[in-house]
Amino acid sequence: PVVSNWEKEWAPAIDVSETENEYIVKAELPGINKKDIDISLTDGVLTVKGEKKLEKKEEKENYHYMETRYGTFTRSLKLPEDASAEKVDATYADGVLTVTVPKTETAKPRKIEVQ
């Protein structure tokens, strides 16, 4: 029997980490063309949208089981207040989208020398 997941919604796995100077958001997006990914940062909410398209081949394949999901997705997450919308960087390699969001200057720790 063919199992179809095409109509079910799906959402990529996302990891969020932090360094002294930035927040790093990684999303697993295997099989997605980077031109099909849309990223926005509005009012502290980072939104990643995209679409994973099913490639149609001339050959007829009889699937017995299918876990791969296709279609559109949207993931939104609220970033901490010290996240800056300036100089956000996004890269996509090996099926992983990495969005780097810098912290505001006032949020960064400042070393104070003892006199």
PDB file of N, CA and C in Angstrom:
ATOM      1  N   PRO A   1       0.834  -1.184   0.000  1.00  0.00           N
ATOM      2  CA  PRO A   1       0.000   0.000   0.000  1.00  0.00           C
ATOM      3  C   PRO A   1       0.883   1.253   0.000  1.00  0.00           C
ATOM      4  N   VAL A   2       0.428   2.273  -0.703  1.00  0.00           N
ATOM      5  CA  VAL A   2       1.160   3.531  -0.768  1.00  0.00           C
ATOM      6  C   VAL A   2       0.747   4.393   0.414  1.00  0.00           C
ATOM      7  N   VAL A   3       1.724   4.897   1.135  1.00  0.00           N
ATOM      8  CA  VAL A   3       1.458   5.787   2.253  1.00  0.00           C
ATOM      9  C   VAL A   3       1.788   7.196   1.801  1.00  0.00           C
ATOM     10  N   SER A   4       0.833   8.098   1.858  1.00  0.00           N
ATOM     11  CA  SER A   4       1.040   9.455   1.369  1.00  0.00           C
ATOM     12  C   SER A   4       1.086  10.445   2.518  1.00  0.00           C
ATOM     13  N   ASN A   5       2.188  11.162   2.628  1.00  0.00           N
ATOM     14  CA  ASN A   5       2.324  12.223   3.618  1.00  0.00           C
ATOM     15  C   ASN A   5       2.296  13.592   2.958  1.00  0.00           C
ATOM     16  N   TRP A   6       1.991  13.657   1.703  1.00  0.00           N
ATOM     17  CA  TRP A   6       2.067  14.907   0.963  1.00  0.00           C
ATOM     18  C   TRP A   6       1.126  15.962   1.505  1.00  0.00           C
ATOM     19  N   GLU A   7       0.001  15.563   2.025  1.00  0.00           N
ATOM     20  CA  GLU A   7      -0.992  16.527   2.455  1.00  0.00           C
ATOM     21  C   GLU A   7      -0.815  16.942   3.914  1.00  0.00           C
ATOM     22  N   LYS A   8       0.014  16.267   4.643  1.00  0.00           N
ATOM     23  CA  LYS A   8       0.238  16.617   6.044  1.00  0.00           C
ATOM     24  C   LYS A   8       1.198  17.786   6.141  1.00  0.00           C
ATOM     25  N   GLU A   9       0.972  18.651   7.132  1.00  0.00           N
ATOM     26  CA  GLU A   9       1.899  19.753   7.359  1.00  0.00           C
ATOM     27  C   GLU A   9       3.176  19.192   7.957  1.00  0.00           C
ATOM     28  N   TRP A  10       4.258  19.888   7.683  1.00  0.00           N
ATOM     29  CA  TRP A  10       5.521  19.468   8.271  1.00  0.00           C
ATOM     30  C   TRP A  10       6.277  20.717   8.693  1.00  0.00           C
ATOM     31  N   ALA A  11       7.197  20.541   9.578  1.00  0.00           N
ATOM     32  CA  ALA A  11       8.012  21.658  10.049  1.00  0.00           C
ATOM     33  C   ALA A  11       9.426  21.151  10.267  1.00  0.00           C
ATOM     34  N   PRO A  12      10.419  21.881   9.772  1.00  0.00           N
ATOM     35  CA  PRO A  12      11.801  21.446   9.963  1.00  0.00           C
ATOM     36  C   PRO A  12      12.230  21.579  11.421  1.00  0.00           C
ATOM     37  N   ALA A  13      13.174  20.735  11.809  1.00  0.00           N
ATOM     38  CA  ALA A  13      13.748  20.816  13.153  1.00  0.00           C
ATOM     39  C   ALA A  13      14.613  22.067  13.234  1.00  0.00           C
ATOM     40  N   ILE A  14      14.532  22.773  14.359  1.00  0.00           N
ATOM     41  CA  ILE A  14      15.293  24.010  14.557  1.00  0.00           C
ATOM     42  C   ILE A  14      16.045  23.933  15.874  1.00  0.00           C
ATOM     43  N   ASP A  15      17.311  24.365  15.847  1.00  0.00           N
ATOM     44  CA  ASP A  15      18.132  24.495  17.047  1.00  0.00           C
ATOM     45  C   ASP A  15      18.506  25.960  17.207  1.00  0.00           C
ATOM     46  N   VAL A  16      18.483  26.457  18.441  1.00  0.00           N
ATOM     47  CA  VAL A  16      18.895  27.837  18.719  1.00  0.00           C
ATOM     48  C   VAL A  16      19.991  27.781  19.777  1.00  0.00           C
ATOM     49  N   SER A  17      21.111  28.443  19.467  1.00  0.00           N
ATOM     50  CA  SER A  17      22.207  28.513  20.430  1.00  0.00           C
ATOM     51  C   SER A  17      22.644  29.971  20.573  1.00  0.00           C
ATOM     52  N   GLU A  18      23.514  30.204  21.522  1.00  0.00           N
ATOM     53  CA  GLU A  18      23.940  31.566  21.826  1.00  0.00           C
ATOM     54  C   GLU A  18      25.438  31.599  22.103  1.00  0.00           C
ATOM     55  N   THR A  19      26.094  32.631  21.596  1.00  0.00           N
ATOM     56  CA  THR A  19      27.480  32.908  21.950  1.00  0.00           C
ATOM     57  C   THR A  19      27.485  34.258  22.653  1.00  0.00           C
ATOM     58  N   GLU A  20      28.653  34.736  22.975  1.00  0.00           N
ATOM     59  CA  GLU A  20      28.764  36.029  23.653  1.00  0.00           C
ATOM     60  C   GLU A  20      28.203  37.168  22.797  1.00  0.00           C
ATOM     61  N   ASN A  21      28.329  37.057  21.476  1.00  0.00           N
ATOM     62  CA  ASN A  21      27.967  38.155  20.591  1.00  0.00           C
ATOM     63  C   ASN A  21      26.752  37.931  19.704  1.00  0.00           C
ATOM     64  N   GLU A  22      26.194  36.695  19.672  1.00  0.00           N
ATOM     65  CA  GLU A  22      25.123  36.446  18.705  1.00  0.00           C
ATOM     66  C   GLU A  22      24.269  35.249  19.089  1.00  0.00           C
ATOM     67  N   TYR A  23      23.120  35.166  18.414  1.00  0.00           N
ATOM     68  CA  TYR A  23      22.256  33.993  18.482  1.00  0.00           C
ATOM     69  C   TYR A  23      22.392  33.258  17.158  1.00  0.00           C
ATOM     70  N   ILE A  24      22.410  31.935  17.220  1.00  0.00           N
ATOM     71  CA  ILE A  24      22.565  31.121  16.019  1.00  0.00           C
ATOM     72  C   ILE A  24      21.362  30.191  15.927  1.00  0.00           C
ATOM     73  N   VAL A  25      20.641  30.312  14.818  1.00  0.00           N
ATOM     74  CA  VAL A  25      19.469  29.486  14.577  1.00  0.00           C
ATOM     75  C   VAL A  25      19.796  28.562  13.406  1.00  0.00           C
ATOM     76  N   LYS A  26      19.656  27.253  13.623  1.00  0.00           N
ATOM     77  CA  LYS A  26      19.918  26.281  12.561  1.00  0.00           C
ATOM     78  C   LYS A  26      18.632  25.500  12.290  1.00  0.00           C
ATOM     79  N   ALA A  27      18.313  25.372  11.011  1.00  0.00           N
ATOM     80  CA  ALA A  27      17.125  24.624  10.607  1.00  0.00           C
ATOM     81  C   ALA A  27      17.529  23.553   9.603  1.00  0.00           C
ATOM     82  N   GLU A  28      17.048  22.340   9.813  1.00  0.00           N
ATOM     83  CA  GLU A  28      17.330  21.244   8.890  1.00  0.00           C
ATOM     84  C   GLU A  28      16.343  21.321   7.730  1.00  0.00           C
ATOM     85  N   LEU A  29      16.870  21.604   6.532  1.00  0.00           N
ATOM     86  CA  LEU A  29      16.043  21.749   5.342  1.00  0.00           C
ATOM     87  C   LEU A  29      16.589  20.924   4.182  1.00  0.00           C
ATOM     88  N   PRO A  30      16.760  19.614   4.370  1.00  0.00           N
ATOM     89  CA  PRO A  30      17.332  18.810   3.288  1.00  0.00           C
ATOM     90  C   PRO A  30      16.432  18.786   2.061  1.00  0.00           C
ATOM     91  N   GLY A  31      17.054  18.845   0.903  1.00  0.00           N
ATOM     92  CA  GLY A  31      16.317  18.728  -0.340  1.00  0.00           C
ATOM     93  C   GLY A  31      15.593  19.979  -0.783  1.00  0.00           C
ATOM     94  N   ILE A  32      15.829  21.091  -0.107  1.00  0.00           N
ATOM     95  CA  ILE A  32      15.163  22.344  -0.456  1.00  0.00           C
ATOM     96  C   ILE A  32      16.149  23.245  -1.171  1.00  0.00           C
ATOM     97  N   ASN A  33      15.710  23.847  -2.262  1.00  0.00           N
ATOM     98  CA  ASN A  33      16.530  24.798  -2.992  1.00  0.00           C
ATOM     99  C   ASN A  33      16.538  26.113  -2.218  1.00  0.00           C
ATOM    100  N   LYS A  34      17.703  26.756  -2.114  1.00  0.00           N
ATOM    101  CA  LYS A  34      17.788  27.979  -1.321  1.00  0.00           C
ATOM    102  C   LYS A  34      16.905  29.091  -1.852  1.00  0.00           C
ATOM    103  N   LYS A  35      16.558  29.052  -3.133  1.00  0.00           N
ATOM    104  CA  LYS A  35      15.657  30.081  -3.675  1.00  0.00           C
ATOM    105  C   LYS A  35      14.223  29.875  -3.171  1.00  0.00           C
ATOM    106  N   ASP A  36      13.933  28.718  -2.576  1.00  0.00           N
ATOM    107  CA  ASP A  36      12.607  28.437  -2.032  1.00  0.00           C
ATOM    108  C   ASP A  36      12.525  28.687  -0.531  1.00  0.00           C
ATOM    109  N   ILE A  37      13.523  29.397   0.022  1.00  0.00           N
ATOM    110  CA  ILE A  37      13.554  29.721   1.452  1.00  0.00           C
ATOM    111  C   ILE A  37      13.391  31.226   1.609  1.00  0.00           C
ATOM    112  N   ASP A  38      12.497  31.643   2.520  1.00  0.00           N
ATOM    113  CA  ASP A  38      12.250  33.049   2.801  1.00  0.00           C
ATOM    114  C   ASP A  38      12.444  33.269   4.295  1.00  0.00           C
ATOM    115  N   ILE A  39      13.275  34.247   4.652  1.00  0.00           N
ATOM    116  CA  ILE A  39      13.582  34.522   6.054  1.00  0.00           C
ATOM    117  C   ILE A  39      13.232  35.972   6.345  1.00  0.00           C
ATOM    118  N   SER A  40      12.581  36.213   7.486  1.00  0.00           N
ATOM    119  CA  SER A  40      12.304  37.591   7.899  1.00  0.00           C
ATOM    120  C   SER A  40      12.479  37.712   9.408  1.00  0.00           C
ATOM    121  N   LEU A  41      12.794  38.925   9.860  1.00  0.00           N
ATOM    122  CA  LEU A  41      12.916  39.225  11.288  1.00  0.00           C
ATOM    123  C   LEU A  41      12.135  40.508  11.527  1.00  0.00           C
ATOM    124  N   THR A  42      10.982  40.379  12.183  1.00  0.00           N
ATOM    125  CA  THR A  42      10.101  41.501  12.419  1.00  0.00           C
ATOM    126  C   THR A  42       9.704  41.531  13.883  1.00  0.00           C
ATOM    127  N   ASP A  43       9.937  42.661  14.529  1.00  0.00           N
ATOM    128  CA  ASP A  43       9.569  42.834  15.940  1.00  0.00           C
ATOM    129  C   ASP A  43      10.079  41.698  16.817  1.00  0.00           C
ATOM    130  N   GLY A  44      11.304  41.263  16.564  1.00  0.00           N
ATOM    131  CA  GLY A  44      11.928  40.230  17.376  1.00  0.00           C
ATOM    132  C   GLY A  44      11.492  38.816  17.060  1.00  0.00           C
ATOM    133  N   VAL A  45      10.679  38.626  16.022  1.00  0.00           N
ATOM    134  CA  VAL A  45      10.224  37.294  15.646  1.00  0.00           C
ATOM    135  C   VAL A  45      10.904  36.890  14.341  1.00  0.00           C
ATOM    136  N   LEU A  46      11.673  35.812  14.409  1.00  0.00           N
ATOM    137  CA  LEU A  46      12.340  35.270  13.235  1.00  0.00           C
ATOM    138  C   LEU A  46      11.408  34.249  12.595  1.00  0.00           C
ATOM    139  N   THR A  47      11.143  34.439  11.299  1.00  0.00           N
ATOM    140  CA  THR A  47      10.257  33.530  10.571  1.00  0.00           C
ATOM    141  C   THR A  47      11.008  32.939   9.390  1.00  0.00           C
ATOM    142  N   VAL A  48      10.953  31.623   9.277  1.00  0.00           N
ATOM    143  CA  VAL A  48      11.538  30.904   8.150  1.00  0.00           C
ATOM    144  C   VAL A  48      10.393  30.203   7.432  1.00  0.00           C
ATOM    145  N   LYS A  49      10.253  30.513   6.143  1.00  0.00           N
ATOM    146  CA  LYS A  49       9.216  29.886   5.317  1.00  0.00           C
ATOM    147  C   LYS A  49       9.900  29.220   4.141  1.00  0.00           C
ATOM    148  N   GLY A  50       9.256  28.218   3.596  1.00  0.00           N
ATOM    149  CA  GLY A  50       9.820  27.581   2.420  1.00  0.00           C
ATOM    150  C   GLY A  50       8.912  26.520   1.865  1.00  0.00           C
ATOM    151  N   GLU A  51       9.438  25.860   0.850  1.00  0.00           N
ATOM    152  CA  GLU A  51       8.684  24.795   0.229  1.00  0.00           C
ATOM    153  C   GLU A  51       9.635  23.710  -0.247  1.00  0.00           C
ATOM    154  N   LYS A  52       9.291  22.486   0.087  1.00  0.00           N
ATOM    155  CA  LYS A  52      10.025  21.335  -0.402  1.00  0.00           C
ATOM    156  C   LYS A  52       9.182  20.720  -1.500  1.00  0.00           C
ATOM    157  N   LYS A  53       9.721  20.743  -2.714  1.00  0.00           N
ATOM    158  CA  LYS A  53       8.958  20.282  -3.868  1.00  0.00           C
ATOM    159  C   LYS A  53       9.274  18.829  -4.178  1.00  0.00           C
ATOM    160  N   LEU A  54       8.251  18.098  -4.558  1.00  0.00           N
ATOM    161  CA  LEU A  54       8.413  16.714  -4.955  1.00  0.00           C
ATOM    162  C   LEU A  54       8.826  16.691  -6.419  1.00  0.00           C
ATOM    163  N   GLU A  55       9.973  16.092  -6.695  1.00  0.00           N
ATOM    164  CA  GLU A  55      10.432  15.974  -8.079  1.00  0.00           C
ATOM    165  C   GLU A  55       9.656  14.856  -8.753  1.00  0.00           C
ATOM    166  N   LYS A  56       9.047  15.181  -9.861  1.00  0.00           N
ATOM    167  CA  LYS A  56       8.294  14.175 -10.596  1.00  0.00           C
ATOM    168  C   LYS A  56       9.182  13.584 -11.677  1.00  0.00           C
ATOM    169  N   LYS A  57       9.234  12.275 -11.699  1.00  0.00           N
ATOM    170  CA  LYS A  57      10.045  11.570 -12.692  1.00  0.00           C
ATOM    171  C   LYS A  57       9.117  10.867 -13.670  1.00  0.00           C
ATOM    172  N   GLU A  58       9.644  10.597 -14.815  1.00  0.00           N
ATOM    173  CA  GLU A  58       8.872   9.896 -15.841  1.00  0.00           C
ATOM    174  C   GLU A  58       8.591   8.453 -15.430  1.00  0.00           C
ATOM    175  N   GLU A  59       9.506   7.904 -14.643  1.00  0.00           N
ATOM    176  CA  GLU A  59       9.331   6.522 -14.222  1.00  0.00           C
ATOM    177  C   GLU A  59       8.199   6.438 -13.209  1.00  0.00           C
ATOM    178  N   LYS A  60       7.540   5.342 -13.218  1.00  0.00           N
ATOM    179  CA  LYS A  60       6.497   5.117 -12.217  1.00  0.00           C
ATOM    180  C   LYS A  60       7.118   4.300 -11.091  1.00  0.00           C
ATOM    181  N   GLU A  61       7.089   4.890  -9.906  1.00  0.00           N
ATOM    182  CA  GLU A  61       7.605   4.181  -8.735  1.00  0.00           C
ATOM    183  C   GLU A  61       6.433   3.789  -7.861  1.00  0.00           C
ATOM    184  N   ASN A  62       6.475   2.603  -7.344  1.00  0.00           N
ATOM    185  CA  ASN A  62       5.447   2.149  -6.415  1.00  0.00           C
ATOM    186  C   ASN A  62       6.016   2.241  -5.004  1.00  0.00           C
ATOM    187  N   TYR A  63       5.630   3.296  -4.296  1.00  0.00           N
ATOM    188  CA  TYR A  63       6.095   3.456  -2.934  1.00  0.00           C
ATOM    189  C   TYR A  63       5.341   2.498  -2.024  1.00  0.00           C
ATOM    190  N   HIS A  64       6.071   1.865  -1.142  1.00  0.00           N
ATOM    191  CA  HIS A  64       5.458   1.012  -0.138  1.00  0.00           C
ATOM    192  C   HIS A  64       5.334   1.762   1.175  1.00  0.00           C
ATOM    193  N   TYR A  65       6.220   2.718   1.356  1.00  0.00           N
ATOM    194  CA  TYR A  65       6.204   3.513   2.584  1.00  0.00           C
ATOM    195  C   TYR A  65       6.893   4.827   2.300  1.00  0.00           C
ATOM    196  N   MET A  66       6.361   5.936   2.796  1.00  0.00           N
ATOM    197  CA  MET A  66       6.963   7.230   2.519  1.00  0.00           C
ATOM    198  C   MET A  66       6.892   8.116   3.760  1.00  0.00           C
ATOM    199  N   GLU A  67       8.054   8.448   4.321  1.00  0.00           N
ATOM    200  CA  GLU A  67       8.109   9.348   5.469  1.00  0.00           C
ATOM    201  C   GLU A  67       8.546  10.746   5.084  1.00  0.00           C
ATOM    202  N   THR A  68       9.144  10.893   3.920  1.00  0.00           N
ATOM    203  CA  THR A  68       9.599  12.203   3.475  1.00  0.00           C
ATOM    204  C   THR A  68       8.383  13.085   3.256  1.00  0.00           C
ATOM    205  N   ARG A  69       8.450  14.300   3.797  1.00  0.00           N
ATOM    206  CA  ARG A  69       7.334  15.221   3.676  1.00  0.00           C
ATOM    207  C   ARG A  69       7.656  16.292   2.646  1.00  0.00           C
ATOM    208  N   TYR A  70       6.635  16.722   1.939  1.00  0.00           N
ATOM    209  CA  TYR A  70       6.765  17.744   0.913  1.00  0.00           C
ATOM    210  C   TYR A  70       5.715  18.813   1.148  1.00  0.00           C
ATOM    211  N   GLY A  71       5.959  19.986   0.593  1.00  0.00           N
ATOM    212  CA  GLY A  71       4.993  21.071   0.694  1.00  0.00           C
ATOM    213  C   GLY A  71       5.601  22.274   1.375  1.00  0.00           C
ATOM    214  N   THR A  72       4.739  23.191   1.751  1.00  0.00           N
ATOM    215  CA  THR A  72       5.202  24.431   2.374  1.00  0.00           C
ATOM    216  C   THR A  72       5.312  24.259   3.887  1.00  0.00           C
ATOM    217  N   PHE A  73       6.126  25.113   4.481  1.00  0.00           N
ATOM    218  CA  PHE A  73       6.275  25.127   5.932  1.00  0.00           C
ATOM    219  C   PHE A  73       6.521  26.565   6.381  1.00  0.00           C
ATOM    220  N   THR A  74       6.219  26.824   7.630  1.00  0.00           N
ATOM    221  CA  THR A  74       6.528  28.102   8.277  1.00  0.00           C
ATOM    222  C   THR A  74       6.920  27.802   9.710  1.00  0.00           C
ATOM    223  N   ARG A  75       8.054  28.340  10.136  1.00  0.00           N
ATOM    224  CA  ARG A  75       8.481  28.255  11.540  1.00  0.00           C
ATOM    225  C   ARG A  75       8.779  29.663  12.008  1.00  0.00           C
ATOM    226  N   SER A  76       8.212  30.054  13.132  1.00  0.00           N
ATOM    227  CA  SER A  76       8.463  31.372  13.721  1.00  0.00           C
ATOM    228  C   SER A  76       8.887  31.175  15.159  1.00  0.00           C
ATOM    229  N   LEU A  77       9.851  31.988  15.593  1.00  0.00           N
ATOM    230  CA  LEU A  77      10.268  31.934  16.983  1.00  0.00           C
ATOM    231  C   LEU A  77      10.665  33.319  17.460  1.00  0.00           C
ATOM    232  N   LYS A  78      10.296  33.605  18.693  1.00  0.00           N
ATOM    233  CA  LYS A  78      10.592  34.892  19.315  1.00  0.00           C
ATOM    234  C   LYS A  78      12.018  34.842  19.827  1.00  0.00           C
ATOM    235  N   LEU A  79      12.819  35.812  19.389  1.00  0.00           N
ATOM    236  CA  LEU A  79      14.202  35.910  19.854  1.00  0.00           C
ATOM    237  C   LEU A  79      14.251  36.798  21.095  1.00  0.00           C
ATOM    238  N   PRO A  80      15.286  36.667  21.914  1.00  0.00           N
ATOM    239  CA  PRO A  80      15.414  37.531  23.090  1.00  0.00           C
ATOM    240  C   PRO A  80      15.472  39.015  22.685  1.00  0.00           C
ATOM    241  N   GLU A  81      15.135  39.878  23.621  1.00  0.00           N
ATOM    242  CA  GLU A  81      15.053  41.317  23.345  1.00  0.00           C
ATOM    243  C   GLU A  81      16.370  41.925  22.893  1.00  0.00           C
ATOM    244  N   ASP A  82      17.496  41.298  23.241  1.00  0.00           N
ATOM    245  CA  ASP A  82      18.784  41.873  22.855  1.00  0.00           C
ATOM    246  C   ASP A  82      19.236  41.439  21.459  1.00  0.00           C
ATOM    247  N   ALA A  83      18.372  40.732  20.719  1.00  0.00           N
ATOM    248  CA  ALA A  83      18.699  40.357  19.344  1.00  0.00           C
ATOM    249  C   ALA A  83      18.526  41.577  18.442  1.00  0.00           C
ATOM    250  N   SER A  84      19.492  41.809  17.577  1.00  0.00           N
ATOM    251  CA  SER A  84      19.473  42.966  16.691  1.00  0.00           C
ATOM    252  C   SER A  84      19.071  42.554  15.275  1.00  0.00           C
ATOM    253  N   ALA A  85      18.206  43.341  14.665  1.00  0.00           N
ATOM    254  CA  ALA A  85      17.786  43.054  13.283  1.00  0.00           C
ATOM    255  C   ALA A  85      18.826  43.543  12.277  1.00  0.00           C
ATOM    256  N   GLU A  86      19.843  44.247  12.751  1.00  0.00           N
ATOM    257  CA  GLU A  86      20.911  44.741  11.876  1.00  0.00           C
ATOM    258  C   GLU A  86      21.946  43.638  11.645  1.00  0.00           C
ATOM    259  N   LYS A  87      22.421  43.541  10.420  1.00  0.00           N
ATOM    260  CA  LYS A  87      23.515  42.641  10.044  1.00  0.00           C
ATOM    261  C   LYS A  87      23.228  41.161  10.321  1.00  0.00           C
ATOM    262  N   VAL A  88      21.979  40.754  10.113  1.00  0.00           N
ATOM    263  CA  VAL A  88      21.625  39.342  10.225  1.00  0.00           C
ATOM    264  C   VAL A  88      22.216  38.631   9.010  1.00  0.00           C
ATOM    265  N   ASP A  89      22.782  37.449   9.228  1.00  0.00           N
ATOM    266  CA  ASP A  89      23.430  36.704   8.154  1.00  0.00           C
ATOM    267  C   ASP A  89      22.763  35.337   8.035  1.00  0.00           C
ATOM    268  N   ALA A  90      22.566  34.882   6.800  1.00  0.00           N
ATOM    269  CA  ALA A  90      21.977  33.557   6.580  1.00  0.00           C
ATOM    270  C   ALA A  90      22.809  32.810   5.553  1.00  0.00           C
ATOM    271  N   THR A  91      23.139  31.554   5.867  1.00  0.00           N
ATOM    272  CA  THR A  91      23.856  30.689   4.932  1.00  0.00           C
ATOM    273  C   THR A  91      23.107  29.361   4.849  1.00  0.00           C
ATOM    274  N   TYR A  92      23.294  28.670   3.718  1.00  0.00           N
ATOM    275  CA  TYR A  92      22.634  27.387   3.515  1.00  0.00           C
ATOM    276  C   TYR A  92      23.647  26.436   2.892  1.00  0.00           C
ATOM    277  N   ALA A  93      23.957  25.366   3.604  1.00  0.00           N
ATOM    278  CA  ALA A  93      24.928  24.393   3.115  1.00  0.00           C
ATOM    279  C   ALA A  93      24.562  23.012   3.636  1.00  0.00           C
ATOM    280  N   ASP A  94      24.685  22.016   2.779  1.00  0.00           N
ATOM    281  CA  ASP A  94      24.453  20.621   3.139  1.00  0.00           C
ATOM    282  C   ASP A  94      23.088  20.402   3.796  1.00  0.00           C
ATOM    283  N   GLY A  95      22.071  21.140   3.319  1.00  0.00           N
ATOM    284  CA  GLY A  95      20.726  20.961   3.836  1.00  0.00           C
ATOM    285  C   GLY A  95      20.454  21.628   5.165  1.00  0.00           C
ATOM    286  N   VAL A  96      21.378  22.456   5.648  1.00  0.00           N
ATOM    287  CA  VAL A  96      21.190  23.147   6.918  1.00  0.00           C
ATOM    288  C   VAL A  96      21.233  24.654   6.690  1.00  0.00           C
ATOM    289  N   LEU A  97      20.164  25.335   7.098  1.00  0.00           N
ATOM    290  CA  LEU A  97      20.100  26.790   7.057  1.00  0.00           C
ATOM    291  C   LEU A  97      20.628  27.307   8.387  1.00  0.00           C
ATOM    292  N   THR A  98      21.585  28.242   8.336  1.00  0.00           N
ATOM    293  CA  THR A  98      22.122  28.848   9.547  1.00  0.00           C
ATOM    294  C   THR A  98      21.872  30.341   9.484  1.00  0.00           C
ATOM    295  N   VAL A  99      21.121  30.857  10.453  1.00  0.00           N
ATOM    296  CA  VAL A  99      20.833  32.287  10.551  1.00  0.00           C
ATOM    297  C   VAL A  99      21.549  32.803  11.794  1.00  0.00           C
ATOM    298  N   THR A 100      22.413  33.798  11.591  1.00  0.00           N
ATOM    299  CA  THR A 100      23.172  34.379  12.692  1.00  0.00           C
ATOM    300  C   THR A 100      22.626  35.766  12.969  1.00  0.00           C
ATOM    301  N   VAL A 101      22.153  35.974  14.200  1.00  0.00           N
ATOM    302  CA  VAL A 101      21.555  37.240  14.596  1.00  0.00           C
ATOM    303  C   VAL A 101      22.431  37.854  15.677  1.00  0.00           C
ATOM    304  N   PRO A 102      23.052  39.011  15.392  1.00  0.00           N
ATOM    305  CA  PRO A 102      23.919  39.624  16.396  1.00  0.00           C
ATOM    306  C   PRO A 102      23.135  40.174  17.580  1.00  0.00           C
ATOM    307  N   LYS A 103      23.802  40.284  18.712  1.00  0.00           N
ATOM    308  CA  LYS A 103      23.217  40.936  19.885  1.00  0.00           C
ATOM    309  C   LYS A 103      23.469  42.431  19.773  1.00  0.00           C
ATOM    310  N   THR A 104      22.620  43.210  20.405  1.00  0.00           N
ATOM    311  CA  THR A 104      22.833  44.650  20.418  1.00  0.00           C
ATOM    312  C   THR A 104      24.109  44.958  21.201  1.00  0.00           C
ATOM    313  N   GLU A 105      24.720  46.071  20.880  1.00  0.00           N
ATOM    314  CA  GLU A 105      25.977  46.459  21.553  1.00  0.00           C
ATOM    315  C   GLU A 105      25.785  46.570  23.059  1.00  0.00           C
ATOM    316  N   THR A 106      24.655  47.089  23.496  1.00  0.00           N
ATOM    317  CA  THR A 106      24.434  47.266  24.936  1.00  0.00           C
ATOM    318  C   THR A 106      24.270  45.933  25.657  1.00  0.00           C
ATOM    319  N   ALA A 107      23.917  44.881  24.932  1.00  0.00           N
ATOM    320  CA  ALA A 107      23.707  43.574  25.545  1.00  0.00           C
ATOM    321  C   ALA A 107      24.999  42.790  25.734  1.00  0.00           C
ATOM    322  N   LYS A 108      26.039  43.171  24.993  1.00  0.00           N
ATOM    323  CA  LYS A 108      27.296  42.434  25.077  1.00  0.00           C
ATOM    324  C   LYS A 108      27.992  42.729  26.401  1.00  0.00           C
ATOM    325  N   PRO A 109      28.579  41.722  27.017  1.00  0.00           N
ATOM    326  CA  PRO A 109      29.303  41.960  28.269  1.00  0.00           C
ATOM    327  C   PRO A 109      30.505  42.875  28.027  1.00  0.00           C
ATOM    328  N   ARG A 110      30.721  43.759  28.954  1.00  0.00           N
ATOM    329  CA  ARG A 110      31.848  44.682  28.837  1.00  0.00           C
ATOM    330  C   ARG A 110      32.819  44.391  29.972  1.00  0.00           C
ATOM    331  N   LYS A 111      34.059  44.184  29.615  1.00  0.00           N
ATOM    332  CA  LYS A 111      35.078  43.912  30.626  1.00  0.00           C
ATOM    333  C   LYS A 111      35.502  45.227  31.260  1.00  0.00           C
ATOM    334  N   ILE A 112      35.485  45.247  32.559  1.00  0.00           N
ATOM    335  CA  ILE A 112      35.878  46.445  33.288  1.00  0.00           C
ATOM    336  C   ILE A 112      37.175  46.147  34.035  1.00  0.00           C
ATOM    337  N   GLU A 113      38.168  46.926  33.716  1.00  0.00           N
ATOM    338  CA  GLU A 113      39.462  46.707  34.349  1.00  0.00           C
ATOM    339  C   GLU A 113      39.511  47.364  35.716  1.00  0.00           C
ATOM    340  N   VAL A 114      40.034  46.636  36.684  1.00  0.00           N
ATOM    341  CA  VAL A 114      40.164  47.156  38.043  1.00  0.00           C
ATOM    342  C   VAL A 114      41.429  48.007  38.101  1.00  0.00           C
ATOM    343  N   GLN A 115      41.302  49.225  38.554  1.00  0.00           N
ATOM    344  CA  GLN A 115      42.433  50.145  38.644  1.00  0.00           C
ATOM    345  C   GLN A 115      43.126  50.033  39.983  1.00  0.00           C
TER     346      GLN A 115
END
